[in-house]
Amino acid sequence: MSNVPETVSIKCHHPGCEETDVTECFLPDNETNIPDEYYCSKHTQSHGYCYGCGQFWGGVESFDFASCLGGIEGLCENCSDALKSEFGEDDYEDDYEDDYDYGL
């Protein structure tokens, strides 16, 4: 018999899902480090959580309609922007058009 303690696998809290690769999910009023729920990447968004950071974003337009608004579906604004920036898709500089001649 081994002296190594048995590890406990946390399963996705979505009914019927057996996935153990889960995101720790936190409701807005949670002031602890203890997650409220656990969901796999397939189910985080349907329960209102960002699969990147695990924060609850359900009901926020930029999260619920991310794919229509230029975000990444399933990620909150912060995680989507960070991922885009990491891959060089940061287009903040392109949003500003300066029509002033500056005498050049």
PDB file of N, CA and C in Angstrom:
ATOM      1  N   MET A   1       0.840  -1.175   0.000  1.00  0.00           N
ATOM      2  CA  MET A   1       0.000   0.000   0.000  1.00  0.00           C
ATOM      3  C   MET A   1       0.890   1.243   0.000  1.00  0.00           C
ATOM      4  N   SER A   2       0.543   2.231  -0.763  1.00  0.00           N
ATOM      5  CA  SER A   2       1.339   3.441  -0.935  1.00  0.00           C
ATOM      6  C   SER A   2       1.043   4.453   0.165  1.00  0.00           C
ATOM      7  N   ASN A   3       2.074   5.224   0.531  1.00  0.00           N
ATOM      8  CA  ASN A   3       1.909   6.291   1.516  1.00  0.00           C
ATOM      9  C   ASN A   3       1.519   7.612   0.859  1.00  0.00           C
ATOM     10  N   VAL A   4       1.381   7.615  -0.449  1.00  0.00           N
ATOM     11  CA  VAL A   4       1.008   8.823  -1.178  1.00  0.00           C
ATOM     12  C   VAL A   4      -0.489   9.042  -1.008  1.00  0.00           C
ATOM     13  N   PRO A   5      -0.890  10.245  -0.533  1.00  0.00           N
ATOM     14  CA  PRO A   5      -2.323  10.488  -0.353  1.00  0.00           C
ATOM     15  C   PRO A   5      -3.067  10.475  -1.685  1.00  0.00           C
ATOM     16  N   GLU A   6      -4.255   9.966  -1.643  1.00  0.00           N
ATOM     17  CA  GLU A   6      -5.096   9.903  -2.839  1.00  0.00           C
ATOM     18  C   GLU A   6      -5.581  11.307  -3.176  1.00  0.00           C
ATOM     19  N   THR A   7      -5.451  11.694  -4.429  1.00  0.00           N
ATOM     20  CA  THR A   7      -5.918  13.018  -4.837  1.00  0.00           C
ATOM     21  C   THR A   7      -7.390  12.953  -5.194  1.00  0.00           C
ATOM     22  N   VAL A   8      -8.079  14.007  -4.879  1.00  0.00           N
ATOM     23  CA  VAL A   8      -9.506  14.089  -5.170  1.00  0.00           C
ATOM     24  C   VAL A   8      -9.684  14.920  -6.430  1.00  0.00           C
ATOM     25  N   SER A   9     -10.370  14.364  -7.401  1.00  0.00           N
ATOM     26  CA  SER A   9     -10.641  15.096  -8.643  1.00  0.00           C
ATOM     27  C   SER A   9     -11.982  15.804  -8.519  1.00  0.00           C
ATOM     28  N   ILE A  10     -11.963  17.085  -8.804  1.00  0.00           N
ATOM     29  CA  ILE A  10     -13.205  17.846  -8.788  1.00  0.00           C
ATOM     30  C   ILE A  10     -13.793  17.790 -10.182  1.00  0.00           C
ATOM     31  N   LYS A  11     -15.046  17.423 -10.251  1.00  0.00           N
ATOM     32  CA  LYS A  11     -15.728  17.326 -11.538  1.00  0.00           C
ATOM     33  C   LYS A  11     -16.523  18.595 -11.802  1.00  0.00           C
ATOM     34  N   CYS A  12     -16.761  18.836 -13.072  1.00  0.00           N
ATOM     35  CA  CYS A  12     -17.604  19.945 -13.513  1.00  0.00           C
ATOM     36  C   CYS A  12     -18.968  19.823 -12.828  1.00  0.00           C
ATOM     37  N   HIS A  13     -19.506  20.940 -12.347  1.00  0.00           N
ATOM     38  CA  HIS A  13     -20.787  20.940 -11.648  1.00  0.00           C
ATOM     39  C   HIS A  13     -21.996  20.917 -12.583  1.00  0.00           C
ATOM     40  N   HIS A  14     -21.759  20.962 -13.885  1.00  0.00           N
ATOM     41  CA  HIS A  14     -22.874  20.880 -14.838  1.00  0.00           C
ATOM     42  C   HIS A  14     -23.465  19.473 -14.759  1.00  0.00           C
ATOM     43  N   PRO A  15     -24.783  19.370 -14.648  1.00  0.00           N
ATOM     44  CA  PRO A  15     -25.410  18.043 -14.526  1.00  0.00           C
ATOM     45  C   PRO A  15     -24.986  17.093 -15.647  1.00  0.00           C
ATOM     46  N   GLY A  16     -24.515  15.925 -15.256  1.00  0.00           N
ATOM     47  CA  GLY A  16     -24.137  14.889 -16.209  1.00  0.00           C
ATOM     48  C   GLY A  16     -22.730  14.989 -16.758  1.00  0.00           C
ATOM     49  N   CYS A  17     -22.013  16.066 -16.482  1.00  0.00           N
ATOM     50  CA  CYS A  17     -20.655  16.236 -17.007  1.00  0.00           C
ATOM     51  C   CYS A  17     -19.659  15.587 -16.048  1.00  0.00           C
ATOM     52  N   GLU A  18     -18.759  14.819 -16.601  1.00  0.00           N
ATOM     53  CA  GLU A  18     -17.747  14.111 -15.804  1.00  0.00           C
ATOM     54  C   GLU A  18     -16.356  14.726 -15.956  1.00  0.00           C
ATOM     55  N   GLU A  19     -16.232  15.841 -16.661  1.00  0.00           N
ATOM     56  CA  GLU A  19     -14.932  16.479 -16.930  1.00  0.00           C
ATOM     57  C   GLU A  19     -14.261  16.912 -15.627  1.00  0.00           C
ATOM     58  N   THR A  20     -12.970  16.624 -15.511  1.00  0.00           N
ATOM     59  CA  THR A  20     -12.220  17.012 -14.307  1.00  0.00           C
ATOM     60  C   THR A  20     -11.262  18.173 -14.556  1.00  0.00           C
ATOM     61  N   ASP A  21     -11.105  18.603 -15.802  1.00  0.00           N
ATOM     62  CA  ASP A  21     -10.298  19.783 -16.121  1.00  0.00           C
ATOM     63  C   ASP A  21     -11.234  20.985 -16.009  1.00  0.00           C
ATOM     64  N   VAL A  22     -11.289  21.585 -14.821  1.00  0.00           N
ATOM     65  CA  VAL A  22     -12.298  22.601 -14.532  1.00  0.00           C
ATOM     66  C   VAL A  22     -11.679  23.949 -14.163  1.00  0.00           C
ATOM     67  N   THR A  23     -12.494  24.989 -14.296  1.00  0.00           N
ATOM     68  CA  THR A  23     -12.141  26.343 -13.877  1.00  0.00           C
ATOM     69  C   THR A  23     -12.801  26.605 -12.536  1.00  0.00           C
ATOM     70  N   GLU A  24     -12.055  27.191 -11.620  1.00  0.00           N
ATOM     71  CA  GLU A  24     -12.630  27.608 -10.344  1.00  0.00           C
ATOM     72  C   GLU A  24     -13.473  28.843 -10.612  1.00  0.00           C
ATOM     73  N   CYS A  25     -14.745  28.822 -10.237  1.00  0.00           N
ATOM     74  CA  CYS A  25     -15.670  29.908 -10.561  1.00  0.00           C
ATOM     75  C   CYS A  25     -16.120  30.641  -9.304  1.00  0.00           C
ATOM     76  N   PHE A  26     -16.162  31.973  -9.421  1.00  0.00           N
ATOM     77  CA  PHE A  26     -16.468  32.831  -8.276  1.00  0.00           C
ATOM     78  C   PHE A  26     -17.625  33.768  -8.594  1.00  0.00           C
ATOM     79  N   LEU A  27     -18.589  33.840  -7.683  1.00  0.00           N
ATOM     80  CA  LEU A  27     -19.680  34.799  -7.802  1.00  0.00           C
ATOM     81  C   LEU A  27     -19.178  36.170  -7.356  1.00  0.00           C
ATOM     82  N   PRO A  28     -19.845  37.246  -7.798  1.00  0.00           N
ATOM     83  CA  PRO A  28     -19.369  38.605  -7.494  1.00  0.00           C
ATOM     84  C   PRO A  28     -19.223  38.918  -6.004  1.00  0.00           C
ATOM     85  N   ASP A  29     -20.079  38.358  -5.161  1.00  0.00           N
ATOM     86  CA  ASP A  29     -20.019  38.683  -3.732  1.00  0.00           C
ATOM     87  C   ASP A  29     -19.073  37.779  -2.938  1.00  0.00           C
ATOM     88  N   ASN A  30     -18.354  36.899  -3.610  1.00  0.00           N
ATOM     89  CA  ASN A  30     -17.425  36.000  -2.939  1.00  0.00           C
ATOM     90  C   ASN A  30     -16.153  36.769  -2.572  1.00  0.00           C
ATOM     91  N   GLU A  31     -15.881  36.877  -1.294  1.00  0.00           N
ATOM     92  CA  GLU A  31     -14.687  37.586  -0.818  1.00  0.00           C
ATOM     93  C   GLU A  31     -13.650  36.616  -0.264  1.00  0.00           C
ATOM     94  N   THR A  32     -13.785  35.348  -0.625  1.00  0.00           N
ATOM     95  CA  THR A  32     -12.848  34.328  -0.152  1.00  0.00           C
ATOM     96  C   THR A  32     -12.060  33.779  -1.335  1.00  0.00           C
ATOM     97  N   ASN A  33     -11.141  32.909  -1.052  1.00  0.00           N
ATOM     98  CA  ASN A  33     -10.405  32.203  -2.104  1.00  0.00           C
ATOM     99  C   ASN A  33     -11.030  30.850  -2.397  1.00  0.00           C
ATOM    100  N   ILE A  34     -12.203  30.602  -1.834  1.00  0.00           N
ATOM    101  CA  ILE A  34     -12.890  29.329  -2.037  1.00  0.00           C
ATOM    102  C   ILE A  34     -13.898  29.497  -3.172  1.00  0.00           C
ATOM    103  N   PRO A  35     -13.727  28.744  -4.268  1.00  0.00           N
ATOM    104  CA  PRO A  35     -14.643  28.864  -5.416  1.00  0.00           C
ATOM    105  C   PRO A  35     -16.080  28.502  -5.046  1.00  0.00           C
ATOM    106  N   ASP A  36     -17.019  29.171  -5.695  1.00  0.00           N
ATOM    107  CA  ASP A  36     -18.438  28.860  -5.501  1.00  0.00           C
ATOM    108  C   ASP A  36     -18.833  27.610  -6.279  1.00  0.00           C
ATOM    109  N   GLU A  37     -18.250  27.470  -7.474  1.00  0.00           N
ATOM    110  CA  GLU A  37     -18.586  26.348  -8.344  1.00  0.00           C
ATOM    111  C   GLU A  37     -17.370  25.995  -9.195  1.00  0.00           C
ATOM    112  N   TYR A  38     -17.463  24.882  -9.881  1.00  0.00           N
ATOM    113  CA  TYR A  38     -16.411  24.435 -10.798  1.00  0.00           C
ATOM    114  C   TYR A  38     -17.078  24.024 -12.111  1.00  0.00           C
ATOM    115  N   TYR A  39     -16.572  24.555 -13.224  1.00  0.00           N
ATOM    116  CA  TYR A  39     -17.106  24.179 -14.530  1.00  0.00           C
ATOM    117  C   TYR A  39     -15.968  23.965 -15.519  1.00  0.00           C
ATOM    118  N   CYS A  40     -16.181  23.056 -16.438  1.00  0.00           N
ATOM    119  CA  CYS A  40     -15.215  22.820 -17.512  1.00  0.00           C
ATOM    120  C   CYS A  40     -15.369  23.925 -18.554  1.00  0.00           C
ATOM    121  N   SER A  41     -14.420  24.006 -19.481  1.00  0.00           N
ATOM    122  CA  SER A  41     -14.455  25.080 -20.482  1.00  0.00           C
ATOM    123  C   SER A  41     -15.698  25.004 -21.365  1.00  0.00           C
ATOM    124  N   LYS A  42     -16.276  23.844 -21.486  1.00  0.00           N
ATOM    125  CA  LYS A  42     -17.493  23.686 -22.295  1.00  0.00           C
ATOM    126  C   LYS A  42     -18.711  24.299 -21.601  1.00  0.00           C
ATOM    127  N   HIS A  43     -18.716  24.331 -20.271  1.00  0.00           N
ATOM    128  CA  HIS A  43     -19.907  24.757 -19.539  1.00  0.00           C
ATOM    129  C   HIS A  43     -19.782  26.076 -18.771  1.00  0.00           C
ATOM    130  N   THR A  44     -18.598  26.663 -18.680  1.00  0.00           N
ATOM    131  CA  THR A  44     -18.454  27.905 -17.906  1.00  0.00           C
ATOM    132  C   THR A  44     -19.354  29.011 -18.443  1.00  0.00           C
ATOM    133  N   GLN A  45     -19.321  29.230 -19.750  1.00  0.00           N
ATOM    134  CA  GLN A  45     -20.090  30.337 -20.332  1.00  0.00           C
ATOM    135  C   GLN A  45     -21.593  30.153 -20.139  1.00  0.00           C
ATOM    136  N   SER A  46     -22.080  28.936 -20.302  1.00  0.00           N
ATOM    137  CA  SER A  46     -23.528  28.714 -20.172  1.00  0.00           C
ATOM    138  C   SER A  46     -24.007  28.957 -18.739  1.00  0.00           C
ATOM    139  N   HIS A  47     -23.092  28.954 -17.781  1.00  0.00           N
ATOM    140  CA  HIS A  47     -23.452  29.247 -16.395  1.00  0.00           C
ATOM    141  C   HIS A  47     -23.056  30.674 -16.007  1.00  0.00           C
ATOM    142  N   GLY A  48     -22.587  31.463 -16.983  1.00  0.00           N
ATOM    143  CA  GLY A  48     -22.295  32.883 -16.765  1.00  0.00           C
ATOM    144  C   GLY A  48     -20.883  33.209 -16.331  1.00  0.00           C
ATOM    145  N   TYR A  49     -19.972  32.237 -16.364  1.00  0.00           N
ATOM    146  CA  TYR A  49     -18.605  32.463 -15.921  1.00  0.00           C
ATOM    147  C   TYR A  49     -17.642  32.556 -17.095  1.00  0.00           C
ATOM    148  N   CYS A  50     -16.594  33.341 -16.915  1.00  0.00           N
ATOM    149  CA  CYS A  50     -15.504  33.430 -17.882  1.00  0.00           C
ATOM    150  C   CYS A  50     -14.608  32.212 -17.687  1.00  0.00           C
ATOM    151  N   TYR A  51     -14.291  31.500 -18.768  1.00  0.00           N
ATOM    152  CA  TYR A  51     -13.442  30.321 -18.608  1.00  0.00           C
ATOM    153  C   TYR A  51     -11.971  30.689 -18.443  1.00  0.00           C
ATOM    154  N   GLY A  52     -11.634  31.957 -18.592  1.00  0.00           N
ATOM    155  CA  GLY A  52     -10.257  32.400 -18.387  1.00  0.00           C
ATOM    156  C   GLY A  52      -9.953  32.692 -16.922  1.00  0.00           C
ATOM    157  N   CYS A  53     -10.795  33.517 -16.300  1.00  0.00           N
ATOM    158  CA  CYS A  53     -10.537  33.941 -14.917  1.00  0.00           C
ATOM    159  C   CYS A  53     -11.503  33.345 -13.905  1.00  0.00           C
ATOM    160  N   GLY A  54     -12.616  32.797 -14.376  1.00  0.00           N
ATOM    161  CA  GLY A  54     -13.584  32.178 -13.477  1.00  0.00           C
ATOM    162  C   GLY A  54     -14.540  33.147 -12.808  1.00  0.00           C
ATOM    163  N   GLN A  55     -14.464  34.427 -13.156  1.00  0.00           N
ATOM    164  CA  GLN A  55     -15.368  35.414 -12.565  1.00  0.00           C
ATOM    165  C   GLN A  55     -16.724  35.369 -13.253  1.00  0.00           C
ATOM    166  N   PHE A  56     -17.774  35.680 -12.504  1.00  0.00           N
ATOM    167  CA  PHE A  56     -19.132  35.678 -13.058  1.00  0.00           C
ATOM    168  C   PHE A  56     -19.357  36.933 -13.891  1.00  0.00           C
ATOM    169  N   TRP A  57     -19.702  36.744 -15.162  1.00  0.00           N
ATOM    170  CA  TRP A  57     -19.971  37.851 -16.083  1.00  0.00           C
ATOM    171  C   TRP A  57     -21.340  37.722 -16.745  1.00  0.00           C
ATOM    172  N   GLY A  58     -22.142  36.781 -16.310  1.00  0.00           N
ATOM    173  CA  GLY A  58     -23.466  36.586 -16.908  1.00  0.00           C
ATOM    174  C   GLY A  58     -24.304  37.845 -16.802  1.00  0.00           C
ATOM    175  N   GLY A  59     -24.988  38.191 -17.877  1.00  0.00           N
ATOM    176  CA  GLY A  59     -25.828  39.383 -17.902  1.00  0.00           C
ATOM    177  C   GLY A  59     -25.111  40.634 -18.368  1.00  0.00           C
ATOM    178  N   VAL A  60     -23.807  40.553 -18.562  1.00  0.00           N
ATOM    179  CA  VAL A  60     -23.031  41.688 -19.067  1.00  0.00           C
ATOM    180  C   VAL A  60     -22.985  41.568 -20.585  1.00  0.00           C
ATOM    181  N   GLU A  61     -23.445  42.604 -21.274  1.00  0.00           N
ATOM    182  CA  GLU A  61     -23.571  42.565 -22.730  1.00  0.00           C
ATOM    183  C   GLU A  61     -22.285  42.140 -23.438  1.00  0.00           C
ATOM    184  N   SER A  62     -21.150  42.685 -22.996  1.00  0.00           N
ATOM    185  CA  SER A  62     -19.883  42.373 -23.664  1.00  0.00           C
ATOM    186  C   SER A  62     -19.489  40.906 -23.493  1.00  0.00           C
ATOM    187  N   PHE A  63     -20.019  40.237 -22.490  1.00  0.00           N
ATOM    188  CA  PHE A  63     -19.751  38.812 -22.276  1.00  0.00           C
ATOM    189  C   PHE A  63     -20.777  37.954 -23.016  1.00  0.00           C
ATOM    190  N   ASP A  64     -22.051  38.275 -22.822  1.00  0.00           N
ATOM    191  CA  ASP A  64     -23.115  37.470 -23.422  1.00  0.00           C
ATOM    192  C   ASP A  64     -23.112  37.522 -24.948  1.00  0.00           C
ATOM    193  N   PHE A  65     -22.660  38.635 -25.520  1.00  0.00           N
ATOM    194  CA  PHE A  65     -22.654  38.796 -26.975  1.00  0.00           C
ATOM    195  C   PHE A  65     -21.245  39.060 -27.494  1.00  0.00           C
ATOM    196  N   ALA A  66     -20.255  38.459 -26.863  1.00  0.00           N
ATOM    197  CA  ALA A  66     -18.844  38.710 -27.183  1.00  0.00           C
ATOM    198  C   ALA A  66     -18.526  38.496 -28.660  1.00  0.00           C
ATOM    199  N   SER A  67     -19.013  37.408 -29.234  1.00  0.00           N
ATOM    200  CA  SER A  67     -18.670  37.129 -30.635  1.00  0.00           C
ATOM    201  C   SER A  67     -19.251  38.176 -31.583  1.00  0.00           C
ATOM    202  N   CYS A  68     -20.361  38.775 -31.227  1.00  0.00           N
ATOM    203  CA  CYS A  68     -20.974  39.823 -32.051  1.00  0.00           C
ATOM    204  C   CYS A  68     -20.285  41.174 -31.861  1.00  0.00           C
ATOM    205  N   LEU A  69     -19.637  41.357 -30.712  1.00  0.00           N
ATOM    206  CA  LEU A  69     -19.044  42.649 -30.370  1.00  0.00           C
ATOM    207  C   LEU A  69     -17.525  42.661 -30.507  1.00  0.00           C
ATOM    208  N   GLY A  70     -16.963  41.665 -31.157  1.00  0.00           N
ATOM    209  CA  GLY A  70     -15.526  41.643 -31.399  1.00  0.00           C
ATOM    210  C   GLY A  70     -14.700  41.006 -30.299  1.00  0.00           C
ATOM    211  N   GLY A  71     -15.361  40.418 -29.318  1.00  0.00           N
ATOM    212  CA  GLY A  71     -14.644  39.737 -28.239  1.00  0.00           C
ATOM    213  C   GLY A  71     -14.478  38.264 -28.576  1.00  0.00           C
ATOM    214  N   ILE A  72     -13.998  37.522 -27.606  1.00  0.00           N
ATOM    215  CA  ILE A  72     -13.831  36.081 -27.768  1.00  0.00           C
ATOM    216  C   ILE A  72     -14.897  35.398 -26.924  1.00  0.00           C
ATOM    217  N   GLU A  73     -15.711  34.586 -27.548  1.00  0.00           N
ATOM    218  CA  GLU A  73     -16.820  33.926 -26.872  1.00  0.00           C
ATOM    219  C   GLU A  73     -16.325  33.099 -25.685  1.00  0.00           C
ATOM    220  N   GLY A  74     -16.964  33.303 -24.525  1.00  0.00           N
ATOM    221  CA  GLY A  74     -16.606  32.568 -23.319  1.00  0.00           C
ATOM    222  C   GLY A  74     -15.608  33.280 -22.438  1.00  0.00           C
ATOM    223  N   LEU A  75     -15.032  34.381 -22.947  1.00  0.00           N
ATOM    224  CA  LEU A  75     -14.070  35.152 -22.159  1.00  0.00           C
ATOM    225  C   LEU A  75     -14.649  36.525 -21.828  1.00  0.00           C
ATOM    226  N   CYS A  76     -14.345  37.014 -20.628  1.00  0.00           N
ATOM    227  CA  CYS A  76     -14.766  38.357 -20.245  1.00  0.00           C
ATOM    228  C   CYS A  76     -13.935  39.377 -21.021  1.00  0.00           C
ATOM    229  N   GLU A  77     -14.292  40.649 -20.908  1.00  0.00           N
ATOM    230  CA  GLU A  77     -13.556  41.715 -21.611  1.00  0.00           C
ATOM    231  C   GLU A  77     -12.074  41.694 -21.270  1.00  0.00           C
ATOM    232  N   ASN A  78     -11.770  41.538 -19.988  1.00  0.00           N
ATOM    233  CA  ASN A  78     -10.376  41.595 -19.537  1.00  0.00           C
ATOM    234  C   ASN A  78      -9.557  40.447 -20.115  1.00  0.00           C
ATOM    235  N   CYS A  79     -10.074  39.234 -20.033  1.00  0.00           N
ATOM    236  CA  CYS A  79      -9.346  38.066 -20.547  1.00  0.00           C
ATOM    237  C   CYS A  79      -9.249  38.113 -22.071  1.00  0.00           C
ATOM    238  N   SER A  80     -10.316  38.558 -22.725  1.00  0.00           N
ATOM    239  CA  SER A  80     -10.317  38.665 -24.181  1.00  0.00           C
ATOM    240  C   SER A  80      -9.270  39.677 -24.642  1.00  0.00           C
ATOM    241  N   ASP A  81      -9.245  40.850 -24.004  1.00  0.00           N
ATOM    242  CA  ASP A  81      -8.264  41.882 -24.362  1.00  0.00           C
ATOM    243  C   ASP A  81      -6.834  41.408 -24.114  1.00  0.00           C
ATOM    244  N   ALA A  82      -6.623  40.728 -22.989  1.00  0.00           N
ATOM    245  CA  ALA A  82      -5.286  40.229 -22.665  1.00  0.00           C
ATOM    246  C   ALA A  82      -4.818  39.201 -23.688  1.00  0.00           C
ATOM    247  N   LEU A  83      -5.705  38.311 -24.082  1.00  0.00           N
ATOM    248  CA  LEU A  83      -5.346  37.287 -25.059  1.00  0.00           C
ATOM    249  C   LEU A  83      -5.074  37.903 -26.428  1.00  0.00           C
ATOM    250  N   LYS A  84      -5.910  38.845 -26.836  1.00  0.00           N
ATOM    251  CA  LYS A  84      -5.692  39.521 -28.117  1.00  0.00           C
ATOM    252  C   LYS A  84      -4.360  40.269 -28.119  1.00  0.00           C
ATOM    253  N   SER A  85      -4.070  40.950 -27.015  1.00  0.00           N
ATOM    254  CA  SER A  85      -2.826  41.698 -26.900  1.00  0.00           C
ATOM    255  C   SER A  85      -1.622  40.768 -26.953  1.00  0.00           C
ATOM    256  N   GLU A  86      -1.736  39.625 -26.289  1.00  0.00           N
ATOM    257  CA  GLU A  86      -0.643  38.652 -26.267  1.00  0.00           C
ATOM    258  C   GLU A  86      -0.309  38.140 -27.669  1.00  0.00           C
ATOM    259  N   PHE A  87      -1.325  38.057 -28.516  1.00  0.00           N
ATOM    260  CA  PHE A  87      -1.115  37.561 -29.875  1.00  0.00           C
ATOM    261  C   PHE A  87      -0.990  38.686 -30.898  1.00  0.00           C
ATOM    262  N   GLY A  88      -0.803  39.926 -30.422  1.00  0.00           N
ATOM    263  CA  GLY A  88      -0.570  41.049 -31.317  1.00  0.00           C
ATOM    264  C   GLY A  88      -1.796  41.536 -32.050  1.00  0.00           C
ATOM    265  N   GLU A  89      -2.959  41.204 -31.538  1.00  0.00           N
ATOM    266  CA  GLU A  89      -4.196  41.652 -32.182  1.00  0.00           C
ATOM    267  C   GLU A  89      -4.770  42.878 -31.492  1.00  0.00           C
ATOM    268  N   ASP A  90      -3.929  43.562 -30.739  1.00  0.00           N
ATOM    269  CA  ASP A  90      -4.348  44.763 -30.031  1.00  0.00           C
ATOM    270  C   ASP A  90      -4.509  45.888 -31.045  1.00  0.00           C
ATOM    271  N   ASP A  91      -5.731  46.315 -31.252  1.00  0.00           N
ATOM    272  CA  ASP A  91      -5.979  47.332 -32.281  1.00  0.00           C
ATOM    273  C   ASP A  91      -6.368  48.680 -31.682  1.00  0.00           C
ATOM    274  N   TYR A  92      -5.955  48.954 -30.454  1.00  0.00           N
ATOM    275  CA  TYR A  92      -6.307  50.236 -29.849  1.00  0.00           C
ATOM    276  C   TYR A  92      -5.725  51.405 -30.624  1.00  0.00           C
ATOM    277  N   GLU A  93      -4.536  51.242 -31.182  1.00  0.00           N
ATOM    278  CA  GLU A  93      -3.918  52.327 -31.930  1.00  0.00           C
ATOM    279  C   GLU A  93      -4.699  52.634 -33.202  1.00  0.00           C
ATOM    280  N   ASP A  94      -5.338  51.632 -33.781  1.00  0.00           N
ATOM    281  CA  ASP A  94      -6.099  51.818 -35.012  1.00  0.00           C
ATOM    282  C   ASP A  94      -7.432  52.516 -34.774  1.00  0.00           C
ATOM    283  N   ASP A  95      -7.887  52.579 -33.522  1.00  0.00           N
ATOM    284  CA  ASP A  95      -9.171  53.197 -33.219  1.00  0.00           C
ATOM    285  C   ASP A  95      -9.122  54.723 -33.289  1.00  0.00           C
ATOM    286  N   TYR A  96      -7.938  55.282 -33.260  1.00  0.00           N
ATOM    287  CA  TYR A  96      -7.796  56.726 -33.230  1.00  0.00           C
ATOM    288  C   TYR A  96      -7.380  57.220 -34.610  1.00  0.00           C
ATOM    289  N   GLU A  97      -8.197  58.087 -35.174  1.00  0.00           N
ATOM    290  CA  GLU A  97      -7.861  58.679 -36.466  1.00  0.00           C
ATOM    291  C   GLU A  97      -7.579  60.168 -36.247  1.00  0.00           C
ATOM    292  N   ASP A  98      -6.441  60.587 -36.673  1.00  0.00           N
ATOM    293  CA  ASP A  98      -6.041  61.981 -36.501  1.00  0.00           C
ATOM    294  C   ASP A  98      -5.970  62.616 -37.883  1.00  0.00           C
ATOM    295  N   ASP A  99      -6.915  63.479 -38.176  1.00  0.00           N
ATOM    296  CA  ASP A  99      -6.980  64.132 -39.479  1.00  0.00           C
ATOM    297  C   ASP A  99      -6.244  65.470 -39.496  1.00  0.00           C
ATOM    298  N   TYR A 100      -5.633  65.870 -38.405  1.00  0.00           N
ATOM    299  CA  TYR A 100      -4.941  67.145 -38.346  1.00  0.00           C
ATOM    300  C   TYR A 100      -3.653  67.082 -39.173  1.00  0.00           C
ATOM    301  N   ASP A 101      -3.378  68.130 -39.886  1.00  0.00           N
ATOM    302  CA  ASP A 101      -2.259  68.186 -40.837  1.00  0.00           C
ATOM    303  C   ASP A 101      -0.896  68.349 -40.159  1.00  0.00           C
ATOM    304  N   TYR A 102      -0.809  68.970 -39.016  1.00  0.00           N
ATOM    305  CA  TYR A 102       0.430  69.235 -38.282  1.00  0.00           C
ATOM    306  C   TYR A 102       1.470  69.990 -39.114  1.00  0.00           C
ATOM    307  N   GLY A 103       1.137  70.460 -40.283  1.00  0.00           N
ATOM    308  CA  GLY A 103       2.040  71.235 -41.113  1.00  0.00           C
ATOM    309  C   GLY A 103       3.208  70.445 -41.669  1.00  0.00           C
ATOM    310  N   LEU A 104       3.037  69.169 -41.793  1.00  0.00           N
ATOM    311  CA  LEU A 104       4.135  68.325 -42.297  1.00  0.00           C
ATOM    312  C   LEU A 104       4.169  68.273 -43.792  1.00  0.00           C
TER     313      LEU A 104
END
